Amino acid sequence: MSLHPRRGRMRRWRLLWPGVLVAVVLWVLLWGDVSWANVLGGLVVGTVVLLVLPMPPTAFRGRVHPWRLLLLLARFHWDLLRASLEVAVLAFHVGRTPHGAIVGVRLCSSNDLYMTIVAELSSLVPGTLVLDAHRITGTLYLHVLDVALSGGIEQVRRDTLALEERVLRALASREELAEAGLGPGASPVVLRDGRGRPAR
């Protein structure tokens, strides 16, 4: 009888250590110095935070597709380079005022993990920042530095949905792709605005 609580604790620590490891890396990066004190400090802080404020479990039903993952990373780095150059040009373009906007994009998948990955990759690209993510509707709200530079509001939506498709094809299972409308013979994705209405 005493083995079951022990197994539960072991399972909990197995689920906890990846988060603690990420917390240690972030803590060391925050201090900007790799030292035993910073590593141990990150270990303590990460463990306490994850024990006191546990995140809800996120199920991963997909599988990694190496070639698709490579394409996702390659395209991300290309977008990163292109957007960096565009923002640099915008910064040095004297007399031109950027016209920003907040764009709502309704994603195809309702999975929290894929939504988080899309949000993080979008925010890492200069000129775009995810301000909010609505779990229930699966909508991301992105702040775009310059709408014209990004090709317009509808182009921002298309680019975000294309990013989501690359993420899903790299990590999702066949069932998840079908649920998102990306399976074989699926109809084209309908662009929707932040309220779930078809975008005009």
C-alpha atoms as a PDB file:
ATOM      1  CA  MET A   1       0.000   0.000   0.000  1.00  0.00           C
ATOM      2  CA  SER A   2       2.871   2.382   0.772  1.00  0.00           C
ATOM      3  CA  LEU A   3       4.295   1.992  -2.731  1.00  0.00           C
ATOM      4  CA  HIS A   4       1.460   3.870  -4.471  1.00  0.00           C
ATOM      5  CA  PRO A   5       2.136   7.305  -2.907  1.00  0.00           C
ATOM      6  CA  ARG A   6       5.825   6.757  -3.631  1.00  0.00           C
ATOM      7  CA  ARG A   7       5.059   6.008  -7.291  1.00  0.00           C
ATOM      8  CA  GLY A   8       2.888   9.131  -7.407  1.00  0.00           C
ATOM      9  CA  ARG A   9       5.736  11.263  -6.084  1.00  0.00           C
ATOM     10  CA  MET A  10       8.197   9.709  -8.541  1.00  0.00           C
ATOM     11  CA  ARG A  11       5.813  10.379 -11.435  1.00  0.00           C
ATOM     12  CA  ARG A  12       5.330  13.971 -10.253  1.00  0.00           C
ATOM     13  CA  TRP A  13       9.095  14.591 -10.182  1.00  0.00           C
ATOM     14  CA  ARG A  14       9.453  13.031 -13.639  1.00  0.00           C
ATOM     15  CA  LEU A  15       6.903  15.519 -14.968  1.00  0.00           C
ATOM     16  CA  LEU A  16       8.448  18.388 -13.002  1.00  0.00           C
ATOM     17  CA  TRP A  17      12.125  18.190 -13.988  1.00  0.00           C
ATOM     18  CA  PRO A  18      11.815  19.520 -17.594  1.00  0.00           C
ATOM     19  CA  GLY A  19      10.122  22.668 -16.262  1.00  0.00           C
ATOM     20  CA  VAL A  20      12.778  23.061 -13.569  1.00  0.00           C
ATOM     21  CA  LEU A  21      15.492  22.700 -16.216  1.00  0.00           C
ATOM     22  CA  VAL A  22      13.903  25.447 -18.340  1.00  0.00           C
ATOM     23  CA  ALA A  23      13.617  27.651 -15.238  1.00  0.00           C
ATOM     24  CA  VAL A  24      17.335  27.153 -14.477  1.00  0.00           C
ATOM     25  CA  VAL A  25      18.301  28.146 -18.039  1.00  0.00           C
ATOM     26  CA  LEU A  26      16.075  31.252 -17.908  1.00  0.00           C
ATOM     27  CA  TRP A  27      17.431  32.197 -14.473  1.00  0.00           C
ATOM     28  CA  VAL A  28      21.040  31.950 -15.672  1.00  0.00           C
ATOM     29  CA  LEU A  29      20.215  33.966 -18.801  1.00  0.00           C
ATOM     30  CA  LEU A  30      18.488  36.574 -16.643  1.00  0.00           C
ATOM     31  CA  TRP A  31      21.615  37.046 -14.512  1.00  0.00           C
ATOM     32  CA  GLY A  32      23.922  36.800 -17.527  1.00  0.00           C
ATOM     33  CA  ASP A  33      26.506  34.681 -15.749  1.00  0.00           C
ATOM     34  CA  VAL A  34      26.974  30.912 -15.587  1.00  0.00           C
ATOM     35  CA  SER A  35      28.011  30.197 -12.021  1.00  0.00           C
ATOM     36  CA  TRP A  36      27.207  27.551  -9.420  1.00  0.00           C
ATOM     37  CA  ALA A  37      25.327  30.160  -7.372  1.00  0.00           C
ATOM     38  CA  ASN A  38      23.096  31.108 -10.322  1.00  0.00           C
ATOM     39  CA  VAL A  39      22.479  27.488 -11.305  1.00  0.00           C
ATOM     40  CA  LEU A  40      21.559  26.511  -7.724  1.00  0.00           C
ATOM     41  CA  GLY A  41      19.457  29.669  -7.374  1.00  0.00           C
ATOM     42  CA  GLY A  42      17.581  28.831 -10.568  1.00  0.00           C
ATOM     43  CA  LEU A  43      17.090  25.276  -9.345  1.00  0.00           C
ATOM     44  CA  VAL A  44      15.576  26.451  -6.052  1.00  0.00           C
ATOM     45  CA  VAL A  45      13.407  29.174  -7.623  1.00  0.00           C
ATOM     46  CA  GLY A  46      12.206  26.897 -10.446  1.00  0.00           C
ATOM     47  CA  THR A  47      11.312  24.075  -8.071  1.00  0.00           C
ATOM     48  CA  VAL A  48       9.456  26.358  -5.653  1.00  0.00           C
ATOM     49  CA  VAL A  49       7.527  28.128  -8.440  1.00  0.00           C
ATOM     50  CA  LEU A  50       6.487  24.883 -10.137  1.00  0.00           C
ATOM     51  CA  LEU A  51       5.442  23.288  -6.840  1.00  0.00           C
ATOM     52  CA  VAL A  52       3.508  26.310  -5.569  1.00  0.00           C
ATOM     53  CA  LEU A  53       2.046  27.339  -8.950  1.00  0.00           C
ATOM     54  CA  PRO A  54       1.716  24.106 -10.947  1.00  0.00           C
ATOM     55  CA  MET A  55       0.737  24.428 -14.592  1.00  0.00           C
ATOM     56  CA  PRO A  56      -2.222  22.391 -15.843  1.00  0.00           C
ATOM     57  CA  PRO A  57      -1.079  19.280 -17.725  1.00  0.00           C
ATOM     58  CA  THR A  58      -1.036  19.585 -21.508  1.00  0.00           C
ATOM     59  CA  ALA A  59      -1.555  16.368 -23.404  1.00  0.00           C
ATOM     60  CA  PHE A  60       0.669  15.733 -26.417  1.00  0.00           C
ATOM     61  CA  ARG A  61      -1.005  13.268 -28.778  1.00  0.00           C
ATOM     62  CA  GLY A  62       1.116  14.081 -31.808  1.00  0.00           C
ATOM     63  CA  ARG A  63       4.398  12.831 -33.143  1.00  0.00           C
ATOM     64  CA  VAL A  64       7.490  14.617 -34.409  1.00  0.00           C
ATOM     65  CA  HIS A  65       7.900  14.613 -38.194  1.00  0.00           C
ATOM     66  CA  PRO A  66      11.645  15.353 -38.670  1.00  0.00           C
ATOM     67  CA  TRP A  67      11.461  16.668 -42.243  1.00  0.00           C
ATOM     68  CA  ARG A  68       8.461  18.899 -41.504  1.00  0.00           C
ATOM     69  CA  LEU A  69      10.152  20.122 -38.317  1.00  0.00           C
ATOM     70  CA  LEU A  70      13.247  21.033 -40.330  1.00  0.00           C
ATOM     71  CA  LEU A  71      11.080  22.975 -42.796  1.00  0.00           C
ATOM     72  CA  LEU A  72       9.350  24.753 -39.898  1.00  0.00           C
ATOM     73  CA  LEU A  73      12.680  25.828 -38.394  1.00  0.00           C
ATOM     74  CA  ALA A  74      14.131  26.846 -41.761  1.00  0.00           C
ATOM     75  CA  ARG A  75      11.083  28.989 -42.593  1.00  0.00           C
ATOM     76  CA  PHE A  76      11.123  30.505 -39.096  1.00  0.00           C
ATOM     77  CA  HIS A  77      14.749  31.590 -39.512  1.00  0.00           C
ATOM     78  CA  TRP A  78      13.949  33.045 -42.933  1.00  0.00           C
ATOM     79  CA  ASP A  79      10.996  34.997 -41.463  1.00  0.00           C
ATOM     80  CA  LEU A  80      13.252  36.154 -38.625  1.00  0.00           C
ATOM     81  CA  LEU A  81      15.872  37.490 -41.060  1.00  0.00           C
ATOM     82  CA  ARG A  82      13.347  39.119 -43.385  1.00  0.00           C
ATOM     83  CA  ALA A  83      11.400  40.792 -40.567  1.00  0.00           C
ATOM     84  CA  SER A  84      14.622  42.031 -38.931  1.00  0.00           C
ATOM     85  CA  LEU A  85      15.664  43.701 -42.186  1.00  0.00           C
ATOM     86  CA  GLU A  86      12.195  45.227 -42.629  1.00  0.00           C
ATOM     87  CA  VAL A  87      12.182  46.651 -39.100  1.00  0.00           C
ATOM     88  CA  ALA A  88      15.721  47.984 -39.601  1.00  0.00           C
ATOM     89  CA  VAL A  89      14.668  49.730 -42.830  1.00  0.00           C
ATOM     90  CA  LEU A  90      11.623  51.136 -41.024  1.00  0.00           C
ATOM     91  CA  ALA A  91      13.791  52.434 -38.187  1.00  0.00           C
ATOM     92  CA  PHE A  92      16.126  54.292 -40.563  1.00  0.00           C
ATOM     93  CA  HIS A  93      13.381  55.544 -42.896  1.00  0.00           C
ATOM     94  CA  VAL A  94      13.166  59.145 -41.746  1.00  0.00           C
ATOM     95  CA  GLY A  95       9.801  60.817 -42.206  1.00  0.00           C
ATOM     96  CA  ARG A  96       7.755  57.598 -42.419  1.00  0.00           C
ATOM     97  CA  THR A  97       5.397  56.848 -39.555  1.00  0.00           C
ATOM     98  CA  PRO A  98       4.533  53.179 -39.058  1.00  0.00           C
ATOM     99  CA  HIS A  99       0.823  52.391 -38.799  1.00  0.00           C
ATOM    100  CA  GLY A 100       0.348  49.579 -36.317  1.00  0.00           C
ATOM    101  CA  ALA A 101      -2.741  47.476 -35.696  1.00  0.00           C
ATOM    102  CA  ILE A 102      -4.066  44.741 -33.443  1.00  0.00           C
ATOM    103  CA  VAL A 103      -5.151  41.749 -35.514  1.00  0.00           C
ATOM    104  CA  GLY A 104      -7.276  38.876 -34.242  1.00  0.00           C
ATOM    105  CA  VAL A 105      -6.511  35.488 -35.790  1.00  0.00           C
ATOM    106  CA  ARG A 106      -8.768  32.497 -35.148  1.00  0.00           C
ATOM    107  CA  LEU A 107      -6.555  29.396 -35.241  1.00  0.00           C
ATOM    108  CA  CYS A 108      -7.617  26.053 -36.702  1.00  0.00           C
ATOM    109  CA  SER A 109      -6.501  23.901 -33.764  1.00  0.00           C
ATOM    110  CA  SER A 110      -7.890  24.160 -30.229  1.00  0.00           C
ATOM    111  CA  ASN A 111      -4.849  22.453 -28.674  1.00  0.00           C
ATOM    112  CA  ASP A 112      -3.174  24.641 -26.019  1.00  0.00           C
ATOM    113  CA  LEU A 113       0.311  23.349 -26.833  1.00  0.00           C
ATOM    114  CA  TYR A 114       0.144  24.187 -30.546  1.00  0.00           C
ATOM    115  CA  MET A 115      -1.463  27.540 -29.783  1.00  0.00           C
ATOM    116  CA  THR A 116       1.406  28.353 -27.413  1.00  0.00           C
ATOM    117  CA  ILE A 117       4.036  27.359 -29.984  1.00  0.00           C
ATOM    118  CA  VAL A 118       2.402  29.521 -32.668  1.00  0.00           C
ATOM    119  CA  ALA A 119       2.173  32.443 -30.227  1.00  0.00           C
ATOM    120  CA  GLU A 120       5.822  32.113 -29.197  1.00  0.00           C
ATOM    121  CA  LEU A 121       7.126  31.822 -32.759  1.00  0.00           C
ATOM    122  CA  SER A 122       5.009  34.814 -33.820  1.00  0.00           C
ATOM    123  CA  SER A 123       6.310  36.945 -30.948  1.00  0.00           C
ATOM    124  CA  LEU A 124       9.932  36.052 -31.686  1.00  0.00           C
ATOM    125  CA  VAL A 125       9.673  37.560 -35.178  1.00  0.00           C
ATOM    126  CA  PRO A 126      10.440  41.321 -35.018  1.00  0.00           C
ATOM    127  CA  GLY A 127       7.499  43.577 -35.786  1.00  0.00           C
ATOM    128  CA  THR A 128       4.879  41.212 -34.344  1.00  0.00           C
ATOM    129  CA  LEU A 129       3.906  40.648 -30.719  1.00  0.00           C
ATOM    130  CA  VAL A 130       1.131  38.457 -29.318  1.00  0.00           C
ATOM    131  CA  LEU A 131      -0.821  40.567 -26.827  1.00  0.00           C
ATOM    132  CA  ASP A 132      -3.428  38.028 -25.807  1.00  0.00           C
ATOM    133  CA  ALA A 133      -4.510  34.465 -26.443  1.00  0.00           C
ATOM    134  CA  HIS A 134      -8.129  33.429 -25.947  1.00  0.00           C
ATOM    135  CA  ARG A 135      -8.194  29.717 -25.117  1.00  0.00           C
ATOM    136  CA  ILE A 136     -11.937  29.171 -25.527  1.00  0.00           C
ATOM    137  CA  THR A 137     -12.145  30.590 -29.051  1.00  0.00           C
ATOM    138  CA  GLY A 138      -8.550  29.701 -30.025  1.00  0.00           C
ATOM    139  CA  THR A 139      -7.857  33.293 -31.041  1.00  0.00           C
ATOM    140  CA  LEU A 140      -4.522  35.101 -30.975  1.00  0.00           C
ATOM    141  CA  TYR A 141      -4.427  38.887 -30.843  1.00  0.00           C
ATOM    142  CA  LEU A 142      -1.260  40.190 -32.472  1.00  0.00           C
ATOM    143  CA  HIS A 143       0.139  43.703 -32.423  1.00  0.00           C
ATOM    144  CA  VAL A 144       1.700  44.439 -35.805  1.00  0.00           C
ATOM    145  CA  LEU A 145       4.274  47.228 -35.936  1.00  0.00           C
ATOM    146  CA  ASP A 146       3.411  48.311 -39.487  1.00  0.00           C
ATOM    147  CA  VAL A 147       0.413  46.821 -41.282  1.00  0.00           C
ATOM    148  CA  ALA A 148       1.486  48.041 -44.727  1.00  0.00           C
ATOM    149  CA  LEU A 149       4.964  46.547 -44.277  1.00  0.00           C
ATOM    150  CA  SER A 150       3.336  43.223 -43.316  1.00  0.00           C
ATOM    151  CA  GLY A 151       1.137  43.196 -46.426  1.00  0.00           C
ATOM    152  CA  GLY A 152      -2.123  44.226 -44.770  1.00  0.00           C
ATOM    153  CA  ILE A 153      -4.386  42.743 -42.107  1.00  0.00           C
ATOM    154  CA  GLU A 154      -5.513  39.760 -44.190  1.00  0.00           C
ATOM    155  CA  GLN A 155      -1.915  38.916 -45.036  1.00  0.00           C
ATOM    156  CA  VAL A 156      -1.062  38.898 -41.325  1.00  0.00           C
ATOM    157  CA  ARG A 157      -3.916  36.436 -40.772  1.00  0.00           C
ATOM    158  CA  ARG A 158      -2.773  34.260 -43.690  1.00  0.00           C
ATOM    159  CA  ASP A 159       0.833  34.268 -42.460  1.00  0.00           C
ATOM    160  CA  THR A 160      -0.235  33.300 -38.927  1.00  0.00           C
ATOM    161  CA  LEU A 161      -2.452  30.465 -40.189  1.00  0.00           C
ATOM    162  CA  ALA A 162       0.366  29.289 -42.471  1.00  0.00           C
ATOM    163  CA  LEU A 163       2.688  29.249 -39.451  1.00  0.00           C
ATOM    164  CA  GLU A 164       0.121  27.232 -37.506  1.00  0.00           C
ATOM    165  CA  GLU A 165      -0.144  24.768 -40.392  1.00  0.00           C
ATOM    166  CA  ARG A 166       3.637  24.306 -40.440  1.00  0.00           C
ATOM    167  CA  VAL A 167       3.618  23.703 -36.670  1.00  0.00           C
ATOM    168  CA  LEU A 168       0.799  21.172 -36.938  1.00  0.00           C
ATOM    169  CA  ARG A 169       2.366  19.320 -39.861  1.00  0.00           C
ATOM    170  CA  ALA A 170       5.639  19.129 -37.919  1.00  0.00           C
ATOM    171  CA  LEU A 171       4.173  17.933 -34.610  1.00  0.00           C
ATOM    172  CA  ALA A 172       0.535  16.880 -34.858  1.00  0.00           C
ATOM    173  CA  SER A 173      -0.943  13.428 -35.348  1.00  0.00           C
ATOM    174  CA  ARG A 174      -3.183  12.546 -38.286  1.00  0.00           C
ATOM    175  CA  GLU A 175      -6.229  12.831 -36.045  1.00  0.00           C
ATOM    176  CA  GLU A 176      -5.204  16.322 -34.898  1.00  0.00           C
ATOM    177  CA  LEU A 177      -4.570  17.403 -38.481  1.00  0.00           C
ATOM    178  CA  ALA A 178      -8.023  16.160 -39.455  1.00  0.00           C
ATOM    179  CA  GLU A 179      -9.590  18.006 -36.498  1.00  0.00           C
ATOM    180  CA  ALA A 180      -7.870  21.199 -37.649  1.00  0.00           C
ATOM    181  CA  GLY A 181      -9.135  20.725 -41.209  1.00  0.00           C
ATOM    182  CA  LEU A 182      -5.680  19.919 -42.586  1.00  0.00           C
ATOM    183  CA  GLY A 183      -6.157  16.255 -43.385  1.00  0.00           C
ATOM    184  CA  PRO A 184      -6.226  14.732 -46.881  1.00  0.00           C
ATOM    185  CA  GLY A 185      -8.971  16.254 -49.011  1.00  0.00           C
ATOM    186  CA  ALA A 186      -9.687  19.019 -46.494  1.00  0.00           C
ATOM    187  CA  SER A 187     -11.304  22.202 -47.723  1.00  0.00           C
ATOM    188  CA  PRO A 188      -9.259  25.428 -47.665  1.00  0.00           C
ATOM    189  CA  VAL A 189      -9.027  27.188 -44.317  1.00  0.00           C
ATOM    190  CA  VAL A 190     -11.542  30.031 -43.976  1.00  0.00           C
ATOM    191  CA  LEU A 191      -9.963  33.178 -42.620  1.00  0.00           C
ATOM    192  CA  ARG A 192     -11.816  34.398 -39.533  1.00  0.00           C
ATOM    193  CA  ASP A 193     -11.569  37.611 -37.587  1.00  0.00           C
ATOM    194  CA  GLY A 194     -11.130  37.946 -33.837  1.00  0.00           C
ATOM    195  CA  ARG A 195     -14.828  37.290 -33.208  1.00  0.00           C
ATOM    196  CA  GLY A 196     -14.938  34.087 -35.216  1.00  0.00           C
ATOM    197  CA  ARG A 197     -16.705  35.640 -38.214  1.00  0.00           C
ATOM    198  CA  PRO A 198     -15.456  34.994 -41.748  1.00  0.00           C
ATOM    199  CA  ALA A 199     -12.978  37.746 -42.583  1.00  0.00           C
ATOM    200  CA  ARG A 200     -13.878  39.998 -45.484  1.00  0.00           C
END
